[in-house]
N, C-alpha and C. Protein backbone atom coordinates (compact mmCIF):
# COMPACT_ATOMS: atom_id res chain seq x y z
N UNK A 1 6.19 9.16 3.09
CA UNK A 1 6.52 9.78 4.83
C UNK A 1 6.27 8.48 5.47
N UNK A 2 7.04 8.14 5.91
CA UNK A 2 7.00 6.89 6.99
C UNK A 2 6.97 7.33 8.25
N UNK A 3 6.38 6.09 9.07
CA UNK A 3 6.23 6.24 10.41
C UNK A 3 7.51 6.33 11.15
N UNK A 4 7.36 7.22 12.41
CA UNK A 4 8.75 7.43 13.41
C UNK A 4 8.78 5.95 13.92
N UNK A 5 10.05 5.45 13.91
CA UNK A 5 10.42 4.33 14.36
C UNK A 5 11.59 4.16 15.18
N UNK A 6 11.67 3.77 16.43
CA UNK A 6 13.19 3.65 17.09
C UNK A 6 13.42 2.32 17.36
N UNK A 7 14.56 1.81 16.57
CA UNK A 7 15.25 0.47 16.41
C UNK A 7 15.35 0.04 17.78
N UNK A 8 15.10 -1.23 18.08
CA UNK A 8 15.14 -1.83 19.57
C UNK A 8 16.63 -2.38 19.64
N UNK A 9 17.40 -1.58 20.32
CA UNK A 9 18.77 -1.94 20.21
C UNK A 9 19.24 -3.33 21.05
N UNK A 10 18.23 -3.97 21.75
CA UNK A 10 18.17 -5.12 22.31
C UNK A 10 19.77 -5.30 23.20
N UNK A 11 19.74 -6.70 23.29
CA UNK A 11 21.27 -7.06 24.38
C UNK A 11 21.61 -8.03 23.44
N UNK A 12 22.85 -8.24 23.17
CA UNK A 12 23.68 -9.08 22.20
C UNK A 12 24.59 -9.94 23.51
N UNK A 13 24.02 -11.10 23.60
CA UNK A 13 24.96 -12.19 24.37
C UNK A 13 26.62 -12.35 23.78
N UNK A 14 27.56 -11.73 24.54
CA UNK A 14 28.86 -11.75 24.01
C UNK A 14 29.45 -13.27 24.59
N UNK A 15 28.59 -14.16 25.02
CA UNK A 15 29.05 -15.45 25.57
C UNK A 15 28.45 -16.81 24.85
N UNK A 16 28.02 -16.53 23.67
CA UNK A 16 27.32 -17.47 22.73
C UNK A 16 28.45 -18.40 22.07
N UNK A 17 28.17 -19.63 22.05
CA UNK A 17 29.08 -20.39 21.30
C UNK A 17 29.44 -20.08 19.89
N UNK A 18 30.85 -20.09 19.66
CA UNK A 18 31.14 -19.37 18.22
C UNK A 18 31.30 -18.13 18.26
N UNK A 19 31.23 -17.51 19.37
CA UNK A 19 31.51 -16.10 19.23
C UNK A 19 32.83 -15.58 19.51
N UNK A 20 33.73 -16.60 19.77
CA UNK A 20 35.02 -16.21 20.18
C UNK A 20 35.40 -15.89 21.53
N UNK A 21 34.65 -15.61 22.47
CA UNK A 21 34.46 -15.08 23.72
C UNK A 21 34.92 -16.33 24.51
N UNK A 22 35.82 -16.27 25.51
CA UNK A 22 36.54 -17.23 26.22
C UNK A 22 37.00 -16.41 27.49
N UNK A 23 36.84 -17.10 28.83
CA UNK A 23 37.42 -16.88 29.97
C UNK A 23 36.53 -16.03 30.97
N UNK A 24 37.21 -15.45 31.87
CA UNK A 24 36.34 -14.66 32.73
C UNK A 24 36.01 -13.20 32.15
N UNK A 25 36.46 -12.97 31.27
CA UNK A 25 35.63 -11.44 30.60
C UNK A 25 34.58 -12.33 29.86
N UNK A 26 34.66 -13.40 29.26
CA UNK A 26 33.21 -13.65 28.76
C UNK A 26 32.10 -13.95 29.60
N UNK A 27 32.62 -14.43 30.93
CA UNK A 27 31.52 -14.59 32.18
C UNK A 27 30.76 -13.24 32.51
N UNK A 28 31.86 -12.41 32.37
CA UNK A 28 31.40 -11.27 32.96
C UNK A 28 30.53 -10.38 31.98
N UNK A 29 30.69 -10.68 30.63
CA UNK A 29 29.84 -10.23 29.55
C UNK A 29 28.51 -10.63 29.54
N UNK A 30 28.70 -12.16 29.92
CA UNK A 30 27.27 -12.73 29.84
C UNK A 30 26.62 -12.53 31.08
N UNK A 31 27.16 -12.14 32.12
CA UNK A 31 26.48 -11.73 33.70
C UNK A 31 25.71 -10.34 33.28
N UNK A 32 26.73 -9.51 32.54
CA UNK A 32 26.02 -8.12 32.21
C UNK A 32 24.96 -8.36 31.31
N UNK A 33 24.91 -9.23 30.18
CA UNK A 33 24.01 -9.27 29.30
C UNK A 33 22.78 -9.62 30.32
N UNK A 34 22.61 -10.85 31.06
CA UNK A 34 21.62 -11.23 31.82
C UNK A 34 21.39 -10.19 32.79
N UNK A 35 21.85 -9.47 33.44
CA UNK A 35 21.61 -8.37 34.36
C UNK A 35 20.49 -7.48 33.72
N UNK A 36 21.33 -6.94 32.41
CA UNK A 36 20.19 -5.84 31.82
C UNK A 36 19.16 -6.70 31.03
N UNK A 37 18.97 -7.77 30.86
CA UNK A 37 17.68 -8.31 30.49
C UNK A 37 16.70 -8.27 31.51
N UNK A 38 17.18 -8.87 32.89
CA UNK A 38 16.29 -8.60 33.92
C UNK A 38 15.95 -7.25 34.55
N UNK A 39 16.87 -6.29 34.13
CA UNK A 39 16.57 -4.71 34.21
C UNK A 39 15.37 -4.65 33.39
N UNK A 40 15.52 -4.85 31.84
CA UNK A 40 14.30 -4.76 31.42
C UNK A 40 12.92 -5.20 31.47
N UNK A 41 13.19 -6.58 32.13
CA UNK A 41 11.88 -7.24 32.55
C UNK A 41 11.29 -6.35 33.80
N UNK A 42 12.12 -6.02 34.60
CA UNK A 42 11.63 -5.28 35.78
C UNK A 42 10.84 -3.84 35.40
N UNK A 43 11.56 -3.09 34.28
CA UNK A 43 10.96 -2.09 33.75
C UNK A 43 9.41 -2.29 33.14
N UNK A 44 9.32 -3.29 32.59
CA UNK A 44 8.03 -3.64 32.00
C UNK A 44 7.19 -4.07 32.90
N UNK A 45 7.79 -4.31 34.18
CA UNK A 45 6.79 -4.86 35.35
C UNK A 45 6.03 -3.38 35.87
N UNK A 46 7.24 -2.60 36.20
CA UNK A 46 6.91 -1.54 37.02
C UNK A 46 7.05 0.09 36.66
N UNK A 47 7.57 0.13 35.23
CA UNK A 47 8.00 1.46 34.93
C UNK A 47 6.53 1.56 33.80
N UNK A 48 5.73 2.42 34.52
CA UNK A 48 4.68 2.60 33.39
C UNK A 48 4.67 3.94 32.77
N UNK A 49 4.59 3.96 31.42
CA UNK A 49 4.68 5.25 30.69
C UNK A 49 3.45 5.64 30.43
N UNK A 50 3.36 6.80 30.68
CA UNK A 50 1.93 7.63 30.27
C UNK A 50 2.10 8.75 29.34
N UNK A 51 1.14 8.86 28.44
CA UNK A 51 1.27 9.85 27.46
C UNK A 51 0.04 10.38 27.22
N UNK A 52 -0.38 11.86 26.50
CA UNK A 52 -1.54 12.33 26.53
C UNK A 52 -1.77 12.79 25.13
N UNK A 53 -2.91 12.31 24.47
CA UNK A 53 -3.10 12.68 23.05
C UNK A 53 -4.29 13.58 23.08
N UNK A 54 -4.31 14.12 21.67
CA UNK A 54 -5.77 14.92 21.64
C UNK A 54 -6.25 14.52 20.04
N UNK A 55 -7.39 14.09 20.00
CA UNK A 55 -7.70 13.45 18.59
C UNK A 55 -8.78 14.51 17.90
N UNK A 56 -8.32 14.89 17.04
CA UNK A 56 -9.13 16.12 16.41
C UNK A 56 -9.26 15.57 14.56
N UNK A 57 -10.28 16.17 13.89
CA UNK A 57 -10.65 16.25 12.56
C UNK A 57 -12.21 16.44 12.41
N UNK A 58 -12.34 16.58 11.05
CA UNK A 58 -13.50 17.07 10.89
C UNK A 58 -14.66 15.79 11.57
N UNK A 59 -16.10 16.18 11.33
CA UNK A 59 -17.08 15.30 11.89
C UNK A 59 -17.36 14.24 10.93
N UNK A 60 -17.26 13.06 11.39
CA UNK A 60 -17.68 11.90 10.59
C UNK A 60 -16.52 11.45 9.77
N UNK A 61 -15.44 11.57 10.33
CA UNK A 61 -14.18 11.15 10.13
C UNK A 61 -13.66 9.85 10.46
N UNK A 62 -14.14 9.33 11.57
CA UNK A 62 -14.26 8.23 12.20
C UNK A 62 -13.39 8.19 13.84
N UNK A 63 -13.51 9.33 14.17
CA UNK A 63 -12.60 9.76 15.69
C UNK A 63 -12.84 8.92 16.67
N UNK A 64 -14.36 9.19 16.99
CA UNK A 64 -14.83 8.08 17.89
C UNK A 64 -14.65 6.47 17.83
N UNK A 65 -14.99 6.26 16.54
CA UNK A 65 -15.01 5.03 16.10
C UNK A 65 -13.37 4.60 16.30
N UNK A 66 -12.51 5.36 16.18
CA UNK A 66 -10.79 4.79 16.37
C UNK A 66 -10.78 4.54 17.60
N UNK A 67 -11.27 5.56 18.59
CA UNK A 67 -11.14 5.22 20.02
C UNK A 67 -11.68 4.02 20.54
N UNK A 68 -13.05 3.73 20.13
CA UNK A 68 -13.64 2.51 20.50
C UNK A 68 -12.78 1.04 20.09
N UNK A 69 -12.22 1.28 18.88
CA UNK A 69 -11.49 0.28 18.18
C UNK A 69 -10.17 0.03 19.10
N UNK A 70 -9.28 0.95 19.47
CA UNK A 70 -7.98 0.74 19.80
C UNK A 70 -8.32 0.37 21.49
N UNK A 71 -9.60 0.69 22.11
CA UNK A 71 -9.95 0.59 23.69
C UNK A 71 -10.51 -0.80 23.57
N UNK A 72 -11.21 -1.19 22.74
CA UNK A 72 -12.01 -2.48 22.89
C UNK A 72 -11.88 -3.42 21.77
N UNK A 73 -11.30 -3.00 20.63
CA UNK A 73 -11.27 -3.99 19.29
C UNK A 73 -12.45 -4.20 18.56
N UNK A 74 -13.45 -3.21 19.09
CA UNK A 74 -14.90 -3.70 18.77
C UNK A 74 -15.17 -2.23 17.46
N UNK A 75 -15.75 -2.77 16.39
CA UNK A 75 -15.95 -1.70 15.43
C UNK A 75 -17.81 -1.63 15.56
N UNK A 76 -18.31 -0.50 15.45
CA UNK A 76 -19.82 -0.07 15.62
C UNK A 76 -19.89 0.81 14.52
N UNK A 77 -20.87 0.45 13.58
CA UNK A 77 -21.33 0.95 12.64
C UNK A 77 -22.12 2.19 13.03
N UNK A 78 -22.89 2.15 13.78
CA UNK A 78 -23.83 3.23 14.33
C UNK A 78 -23.34 3.91 15.75
N UNK A 79 -22.09 4.15 15.58
CA UNK A 79 -21.24 5.13 16.71
C UNK A 79 -21.77 6.62 16.33
N UNK A 80 -22.15 7.31 17.52
CA UNK A 80 -22.60 8.67 17.42
C UNK A 80 -21.48 9.55 17.39
N UNK A 81 -21.60 10.62 16.92
CA UNK A 81 -20.44 11.48 16.70
C UNK A 81 -20.27 12.26 18.23
N UNK A 82 -19.19 12.69 18.59
CA UNK A 82 -19.04 13.14 19.98
C UNK A 82 -19.24 14.68 19.65
N UNK A 83 -20.30 15.16 20.69
CA UNK A 83 -20.54 16.36 20.91
C UNK A 83 -19.97 17.16 22.24
N UNK A 84 -19.29 18.01 21.51
CA UNK A 84 -18.21 18.67 22.37
C UNK A 84 -16.96 17.84 22.52
N UNK A 85 -16.83 17.25 23.71
CA UNK A 85 -15.41 16.37 24.13
C UNK A 85 -15.56 15.01 24.69
N UNK A 86 -14.85 14.29 24.67
CA UNK A 86 -14.90 12.97 25.42
C UNK A 86 -13.39 12.81 26.03
N UNK A 87 -13.15 12.06 27.02
CA UNK A 87 -12.15 11.75 27.68
C UNK A 87 -11.83 10.17 28.10
N UNK A 88 -10.79 9.47 27.43
CA UNK A 88 -11.25 8.45 27.84
C UNK A 88 -9.29 7.46 27.94
N UNK A 89 -9.35 6.67 29.04
CA UNK A 89 -8.12 6.28 29.31
C UNK A 89 -8.07 4.84 28.83
N UNK A 90 -6.85 4.63 27.93
CA UNK A 90 -6.80 3.35 27.39
C UNK A 90 -5.24 2.78 28.04
N UNK A 91 -5.19 1.26 28.42
CA UNK A 91 -3.81 0.99 28.73
C UNK A 91 -3.62 -0.17 27.73
N UNK A 92 -2.37 -0.05 27.09
CA UNK A 92 -1.72 -0.94 26.02
C UNK A 92 -0.36 -1.62 27.07
N UNK A 93 -0.35 -2.74 27.38
CA UNK A 93 1.19 -3.01 27.97
C UNK A 93 1.17 -2.42 29.27
N UNK A 94 2.43 -1.69 29.33
CA UNK A 94 2.60 -0.72 30.27
C UNK A 94 2.43 0.78 30.19
N UNK A 95 1.97 0.92 29.00
CA UNK A 95 1.50 2.23 28.53
C UNK A 95 -0.12 2.83 28.58
N UNK A 96 -0.05 3.94 29.44
CA UNK A 96 -1.28 4.24 29.69
C UNK A 96 -1.30 5.63 28.59
N UNK A 97 -2.45 5.66 27.79
CA UNK A 97 -2.72 6.59 26.99
C UNK A 97 -4.25 7.38 27.21
N UNK A 98 -4.04 8.76 27.77
CA UNK A 98 -5.14 9.62 27.84
C UNK A 98 -5.64 10.20 26.79
N UNK A 99 -6.63 9.80 26.17
CA UNK A 99 -7.06 10.29 24.61
C UNK A 99 -8.28 11.24 24.93
N UNK A 100 -8.12 12.32 24.37
CA UNK A 100 -9.00 13.39 24.50
C UNK A 100 -9.63 13.43 22.80
N UNK A 101 -10.94 13.10 22.64
CA UNK A 101 -11.82 13.24 21.64
C UNK A 101 -12.52 14.23 21.40
N UNK A 102 -12.18 15.23 20.38
CA UNK A 102 -12.93 16.15 20.50
C UNK A 102 -13.74 16.40 19.22
N UNK A 103 -15.17 17.13 19.67
CA UNK A 103 -15.78 17.00 18.17
C UNK A 103 -15.35 17.83 17.06
N UNK A 104 -15.89 17.52 15.60
CA UNK A 104 -15.40 18.08 14.76
C UNK A 104 -16.49 18.79 13.89
N UNK A 105 -17.53 19.23 14.56
CA UNK A 105 -18.66 19.99 13.94
C UNK A 105 -17.91 21.46 14.15
N UNK A 106 -18.18 22.39 12.90
CA UNK A 106 -17.62 23.48 13.09
C UNK A 106 -17.67 24.43 14.38
N UNK A 107 -18.94 24.49 15.05
CA UNK A 107 -18.93 25.05 16.34
C UNK A 107 -18.01 24.72 17.31
N UNK A 108 -17.34 23.43 17.19
CA UNK A 108 -16.44 22.75 18.32
C UNK A 108 -14.78 22.93 18.01
N UNK A 109 -14.59 23.34 16.60
CA UNK A 109 -13.36 23.71 16.11
C UNK A 109 -12.30 24.52 16.83
N UNK A 110 -13.08 25.59 17.40
CA UNK A 110 -12.43 26.45 18.29
C UNK A 110 -11.72 26.07 19.53
N UNK A 111 -12.43 24.61 20.21
CA UNK A 111 -12.07 24.20 21.20
C UNK A 111 -10.48 23.35 20.97
N UNK A 112 -10.20 22.96 19.70
CA UNK A 112 -9.14 22.17 19.25
C UNK A 112 -7.66 22.68 20.04
N UNK A 113 -7.55 23.81 19.54
CA UNK A 113 -6.22 24.20 20.30
C UNK A 113 -6.35 24.28 21.58
N UNK A 114 -7.14 24.51 22.51
CA UNK A 114 -6.98 24.51 24.11
C UNK A 114 -6.81 23.10 24.29
N UNK A 115 -7.06 22.03 23.95
CA UNK A 115 -7.00 20.78 24.15
C UNK A 115 -5.92 19.80 23.51
N UNK A 116 -5.37 20.87 22.72
CA UNK A 116 -4.05 20.43 21.93
C UNK A 116 -2.81 20.62 22.68
N UNK A 117 -3.08 21.51 23.58
CA UNK A 117 -1.88 22.17 24.50
C UNK A 117 -1.19 21.21 25.24
N UNK A 118 0.10 21.06 24.96
CA UNK A 118 0.94 20.37 25.95
C UNK A 118 0.64 18.89 25.84
N UNK A 119 0.29 18.36 24.74
CA UNK A 119 0.16 17.03 24.85
C UNK A 119 1.30 16.12 24.14
N UNK A 120 1.33 15.00 24.24
CA UNK A 120 2.47 14.20 23.27
C UNK A 120 2.45 14.30 22.06
N UNK A 121 1.33 14.09 21.44
CA UNK A 121 1.01 14.16 20.15
C UNK A 121 -0.54 14.65 19.81
N UNK A 122 -0.85 15.30 18.49
CA UNK A 122 -1.82 15.25 18.23
C UNK A 122 -2.34 14.36 17.15
N UNK A 123 -3.46 13.74 16.91
CA UNK A 123 -3.49 12.72 16.27
C UNK A 123 -4.95 13.35 15.20
N UNK A 124 -4.60 13.32 13.97
CA UNK A 124 -5.76 14.13 12.91
C UNK A 124 -6.14 12.91 12.00
N UNK A 125 -7.70 13.02 12.40
CA UNK A 125 -8.35 12.09 11.58
C UNK A 125 -9.00 12.54 10.27
N UNK A 126 -8.90 11.91 9.19
CA UNK A 126 -9.25 12.43 7.89
C UNK A 126 -10.09 11.35 7.38
N UNK A 127 -11.22 11.47 6.84
CA UNK A 127 -12.13 10.69 6.16
C UNK A 127 -11.58 10.66 4.62
N UNK A 128 -10.74 9.59 4.25
CA UNK A 128 -9.88 9.48 2.73
C UNK A 128 -10.93 8.93 2.02
N UNK A 129 -12.22 8.70 2.24
CA UNK A 129 -12.94 8.09 1.04
C UNK A 129 -13.89 9.48 0.55
N UNK A 130 -13.88 10.58 1.64
CA UNK A 130 -14.69 11.65 1.15
C UNK A 130 -13.82 12.95 0.52
N UNK A 131 -13.77 12.96 -0.72
CA UNK A 131 -12.67 13.66 -1.32
C UNK A 131 -13.28 15.17 -1.22
N UNK A 132 -14.55 15.37 -1.09
CA UNK A 132 -15.24 16.48 -1.14
C UNK A 132 -14.75 17.44 0.24
N UNK A 133 -14.45 16.71 1.10
CA UNK A 133 -14.03 17.54 2.53
C UNK A 133 -12.36 17.41 2.69
N UNK A 134 -11.62 17.03 1.80
CA UNK A 134 -10.21 16.79 1.82
C UNK A 134 -9.79 18.42 2.03
N UNK A 135 -10.17 19.19 1.40
CA UNK A 135 -9.71 20.67 1.02
C UNK A 135 -10.19 21.31 2.33
N UNK A 136 -11.18 21.27 2.98
CA UNK A 136 -11.72 21.74 4.40
C UNK A 136 -10.75 20.87 5.43
N UNK A 137 -10.81 19.75 5.41
CA UNK A 137 -9.72 19.08 6.39
C UNK A 137 -8.64 19.57 6.45
N UNK A 138 -7.76 19.79 5.23
CA UNK A 138 -6.26 20.53 4.95
C UNK A 138 -6.25 21.46 5.63
N UNK A 139 -7.27 22.75 5.18
CA UNK A 139 -7.22 23.84 5.66
C UNK A 139 -7.30 24.25 7.51
N UNK A 140 -8.06 23.04 8.09
CA UNK A 140 -8.25 22.95 9.32
C UNK A 140 -7.00 22.66 10.33
N UNK A 141 -6.46 21.46 9.61
CA UNK A 141 -5.27 20.97 10.26
C UNK A 141 -4.06 22.22 10.09
N UNK A 142 -3.79 22.82 8.94
CA UNK A 142 -2.93 23.76 8.73
C UNK A 142 -3.10 25.10 9.77
N UNK A 143 -4.68 25.43 9.83
CA UNK A 143 -4.52 26.53 10.80
C UNK A 143 -4.65 26.37 12.03
N UNK A 144 -4.88 24.88 12.48
CA UNK A 144 -4.39 24.43 14.01
C UNK A 144 -3.04 24.55 14.42
N UNK A 145 -1.98 24.00 13.26
CA UNK A 145 -0.58 23.84 13.47
C UNK A 145 0.16 25.26 13.35
N UNK A 146 -0.86 26.34 12.73
CA UNK A 146 -0.04 27.57 12.72
C UNK A 146 -0.19 28.29 14.26
N UNK A 147 -1.02 27.79 15.05
CA UNK A 147 -0.83 28.44 16.38
C UNK A 147 0.29 28.28 17.29
N UNK A 148 0.79 29.34 17.43
CA UNK A 148 2.09 29.28 18.33
C UNK A 148 2.24 28.56 19.53
N UNK A 149 1.14 28.05 20.40
CA UNK A 149 1.08 27.48 21.44
C UNK A 149 1.27 26.09 21.08
N UNK A 150 1.04 25.60 19.83
CA UNK A 150 1.20 24.12 19.57
C UNK A 150 2.68 23.91 18.96
N UNK A 151 3.47 24.60 18.70
CA UNK A 151 4.53 24.65 17.91
C UNK A 151 5.54 23.63 18.41
N UNK A 152 5.78 22.45 17.67
CA UNK A 152 6.77 21.51 17.66
C UNK A 152 6.05 20.50 18.40
N UNK A 153 4.45 20.17 18.35
CA UNK A 153 4.14 19.30 19.13
C UNK A 153 4.09 18.09 17.76
N UNK A 154 4.29 16.86 17.65
CA UNK A 154 4.41 15.95 16.90
C UNK A 154 2.93 15.86 16.29
N UNK A 155 2.56 15.35 14.91
CA UNK A 155 1.28 15.00 14.34
C UNK A 155 1.13 13.69 13.84
N UNK A 156 0.31 12.94 14.02
CA UNK A 156 -0.22 11.76 13.24
C UNK A 156 -1.32 11.92 12.79
N UNK A 157 -1.21 11.93 11.12
CA UNK A 157 -2.37 11.82 10.26
C UNK A 157 -3.07 10.67 9.84
N UNK A 158 -4.16 10.34 10.22
CA UNK A 158 -4.80 8.95 9.71
C UNK A 158 -5.74 9.19 8.58
N UNK A 159 -5.73 8.72 7.61
CA UNK A 159 -6.70 8.72 6.63
C UNK A 159 -7.33 7.46 6.82
N UNK A 160 -8.57 7.68 7.41
CA UNK A 160 -9.53 6.43 7.47
C UNK A 160 -10.31 6.07 6.41
N UNK A 161 -10.91 4.67 6.83
CA UNK A 161 -11.81 4.29 5.64
C UNK A 161 -11.26 3.77 4.28
N UNK A 162 -9.90 3.59 4.30
CA UNK A 162 -9.47 2.85 3.58
C UNK A 162 -10.11 1.65 2.66
N UNK A 163 -10.96 0.92 3.18
CA UNK A 163 -11.83 0.05 2.64
C UNK A 163 -12.71 0.59 1.73
N UNK A 164 -12.92 1.82 1.86
CA UNK A 164 -14.10 2.26 0.68
C UNK A 164 -13.56 2.42 -0.49
N UNK A 165 -14.42 2.45 -1.60
CA UNK A 165 -13.80 2.77 -3.11
C UNK A 165 -13.35 4.13 -2.92
N UNK A 166 -12.32 4.08 -3.71
CA UNK A 166 -12.01 5.57 -4.09
C UNK A 166 -11.10 6.50 -2.96
N UNK A 167 -11.05 5.51 -1.67
CA UNK A 167 -10.40 6.53 -0.48
C UNK A 167 -8.91 6.46 -1.00
N UNK A 168 -8.22 7.78 -0.72
CA UNK A 168 -7.01 7.98 -1.05
C UNK A 168 -6.02 7.16 -0.21
N UNK A 169 -4.74 6.84 -0.94
CA UNK A 169 -3.83 6.35 -0.08
C UNK A 169 -3.01 7.28 0.74
N UNK A 170 -1.68 6.80 1.14
CA UNK A 170 -0.80 7.53 1.87
C UNK A 170 -0.45 8.49 1.10
N UNK A 171 0.34 8.08 -0.12
CA UNK A 171 0.95 9.25 -1.03
C UNK A 171 -0.15 10.36 -1.52
N UNK A 172 -1.34 9.91 -1.67
CA UNK A 172 -2.38 10.91 -2.12
C UNK A 172 -2.52 11.75 -0.70
N UNK A 173 -2.81 11.21 0.25
CA UNK A 173 -3.20 12.01 1.41
C UNK A 173 -1.91 13.32 1.84
N UNK A 174 -0.60 12.47 1.76
CA UNK A 174 0.57 13.63 1.85
C UNK A 174 0.04 14.67 0.73
N UNK A 175 -0.01 14.57 -0.46
CA UNK A 175 0.12 15.59 -1.35
C UNK A 175 -1.19 16.54 -1.09
N UNK A 176 -2.47 15.78 -1.07
CA UNK A 176 -3.63 16.39 -1.01
C UNK A 176 -3.93 17.32 0.37
N UNK A 177 -3.17 17.04 1.37
CA UNK A 177 -3.27 17.54 2.68
C UNK A 177 -2.16 18.36 2.77
N UNK A 178 -1.05 18.42 1.85
CA UNK A 178 0.07 19.37 2.12
C UNK A 178 0.95 19.07 3.10
N UNK A 179 1.26 17.79 3.57
CA UNK A 179 1.96 17.45 4.69
C UNK A 179 3.17 17.66 4.75
N UNK A 180 3.98 17.98 3.32
CA UNK A 180 5.28 18.21 3.06
C UNK A 180 5.60 19.37 3.45
N UNK A 181 4.53 20.58 3.52
CA UNK A 181 4.81 21.62 3.75
C UNK A 181 4.91 21.85 5.50
N UNK A 182 4.70 21.00 6.59
CA UNK A 182 4.88 20.98 7.65
C UNK A 182 6.09 20.68 8.16
N UNK A 183 7.24 21.80 8.31
CA UNK A 183 8.38 21.39 8.49
C UNK A 183 9.12 21.88 10.07
N UNK A 184 7.96 22.12 10.95
CA UNK A 184 8.67 22.46 12.12
C UNK A 184 8.39 21.40 13.31
N UNK A 185 8.01 20.45 12.97
CA UNK A 185 7.60 19.23 13.73
C UNK A 185 7.82 17.62 13.40
N UNK A 186 7.62 16.70 13.92
CA UNK A 186 7.57 15.27 13.44
C UNK A 186 6.40 15.17 12.82
N UNK A 187 6.16 14.63 11.83
CA UNK A 187 4.90 14.19 11.35
C UNK A 187 4.56 12.93 10.57
N UNK A 188 3.57 12.10 10.72
CA UNK A 188 3.77 10.87 10.10
C UNK A 188 2.25 10.65 9.54
N UNK A 189 2.01 9.67 8.58
CA UNK A 189 0.89 9.62 7.96
C UNK A 189 0.62 8.27 7.54
N UNK A 190 -0.54 7.48 8.01
CA UNK A 190 -1.13 6.29 7.96
C UNK A 190 -2.33 6.06 7.30
N UNK A 191 -2.52 5.43 6.28
CA UNK A 191 -3.85 5.06 5.71
C UNK A 191 -4.51 3.65 6.61
N UNK A 192 -5.61 3.96 7.43
CA UNK A 192 -6.33 2.84 8.16
C UNK A 192 -7.64 2.85 7.84
N UNK A 193 -7.98 1.43 8.19
CA UNK A 193 -9.53 1.32 8.22
C UNK A 193 -9.95 0.86 9.55
N UNK A 194 -10.80 1.71 10.38
CA UNK A 194 -11.24 1.18 11.75
C UNK A 194 -12.42 -0.21 11.58
N UNK A 195 -12.91 -0.11 10.38
CA UNK A 195 -13.73 -1.40 10.11
C UNK A 195 -13.07 -2.58 9.96
N UNK A 196 -11.93 -2.45 9.13
CA UNK A 196 -11.40 -3.60 9.02
C UNK A 196 -10.30 -3.90 9.92
N UNK A 197 -9.86 -2.96 10.69
CA UNK A 197 -8.67 -2.79 11.54
C UNK A 197 -7.30 -2.77 10.63
N UNK A 198 -7.31 -2.39 9.70
CA UNK A 198 -6.20 -2.08 8.83
C UNK A 198 -5.27 -1.20 9.30
N UNK A 199 -3.99 -1.37 9.72
CA UNK A 199 -2.75 -0.57 10.23
C UNK A 199 -3.40 0.02 11.61
N UNK A 200 -4.12 -0.45 12.21
CA UNK A 200 -4.32 -0.10 13.64
C UNK A 200 -3.20 -0.46 14.68
N UNK A 201 -2.66 -1.64 14.21
CA UNK A 201 -1.78 -2.02 14.78
C UNK A 201 -0.26 -1.29 14.84
N UNK A 202 0.09 -0.92 13.64
CA UNK A 202 1.39 0.00 13.35
C UNK A 202 0.94 1.42 14.01
N UNK A 203 -0.20 1.92 13.85
CA UNK A 203 -0.75 3.09 14.59
C UNK A 203 -0.57 2.82 15.85
N UNK A 204 -0.83 2.08 16.57
CA UNK A 204 -0.60 2.04 18.08
C UNK A 204 0.87 1.83 18.46
N UNK A 205 1.61 1.10 17.71
CA UNK A 205 3.02 1.11 17.92
C UNK A 205 3.52 2.35 17.57
N UNK A 206 3.16 3.11 16.89
CA UNK A 206 3.66 4.74 16.84
C UNK A 206 3.39 5.41 18.01
N UNK A 207 2.36 5.18 18.20
CA UNK A 207 1.80 6.04 19.54
C UNK A 207 2.54 5.20 21.07
N UNK A 208 2.62 4.31 21.09
CA UNK A 208 3.31 3.58 22.31
C UNK A 208 4.96 4.12 22.13
N UNK A 209 5.47 3.81 20.83
CA UNK A 209 7.01 4.06 20.88
C UNK A 209 7.34 5.52 21.10
N UNK A 210 6.27 6.25 20.86
CA UNK A 210 6.31 7.96 20.99
C UNK A 210 6.27 8.03 22.31
N UNK A 211 5.30 7.48 23.11
CA UNK A 211 5.46 7.67 24.43
C UNK A 211 6.72 7.40 25.00
N UNK A 212 7.25 6.67 24.87
CA UNK A 212 8.82 6.11 25.33
C UNK A 212 9.85 7.30 24.76
N UNK A 213 9.56 7.46 23.49
CA UNK A 213 11.05 8.43 22.99
C UNK A 213 10.90 9.93 23.49
N UNK A 214 9.71 10.01 23.94
CA UNK A 214 9.73 11.68 24.35
C UNK A 214 10.00 11.84 25.90
N UNK A 215 10.32 10.59 26.48
CA UNK A 215 11.16 10.50 27.77
C UNK A 215 12.55 10.05 27.61
N UNK A 216 12.96 9.77 26.57
CA UNK A 216 14.29 9.29 26.53
C UNK A 216 15.48 10.37 26.54
């Protein structure tokens, strides 16, 4: 199961040497290409994308650590688990991400649905190295996605702590979490390490591209 990617259409310059383009039509094509490039540049400057995400998962899976890493690039071994919820705004380029980090303790799981309503995507964090909790994590995910109010909202499953011995890889996570059974929405799975910052870049790419694709 691969990440959702939208190919960059780009703009091809029809007036490059050797292209076979000559005359006024060629000049018009070059002008159009230049105009499109300028338009893209102005969009990057002034067009601000915004998206709202909710981050859920069992306690000690690394949710708050993930937020800290993507916000500041810093890993803190002694991160305190979230009690209740936290909200943080993170800006990456021209994309502003409003991220709800919801506590994973049993007493807070009833809050998950409320904070997942109407968001651009749900990010579900799994401790890929704690296989004793995988079954409980799977059940909580499927129970959450069964809620009618959350129908169709895309889900990004992140298997954290891939740097630890015995951690499940993407293929194993897809199987253990029964992700192939989720057919009513877009779903993506990455194996990451917040500590080593493995695959944090492609995770951010998915989130940023997702904010754009939802508005196209």
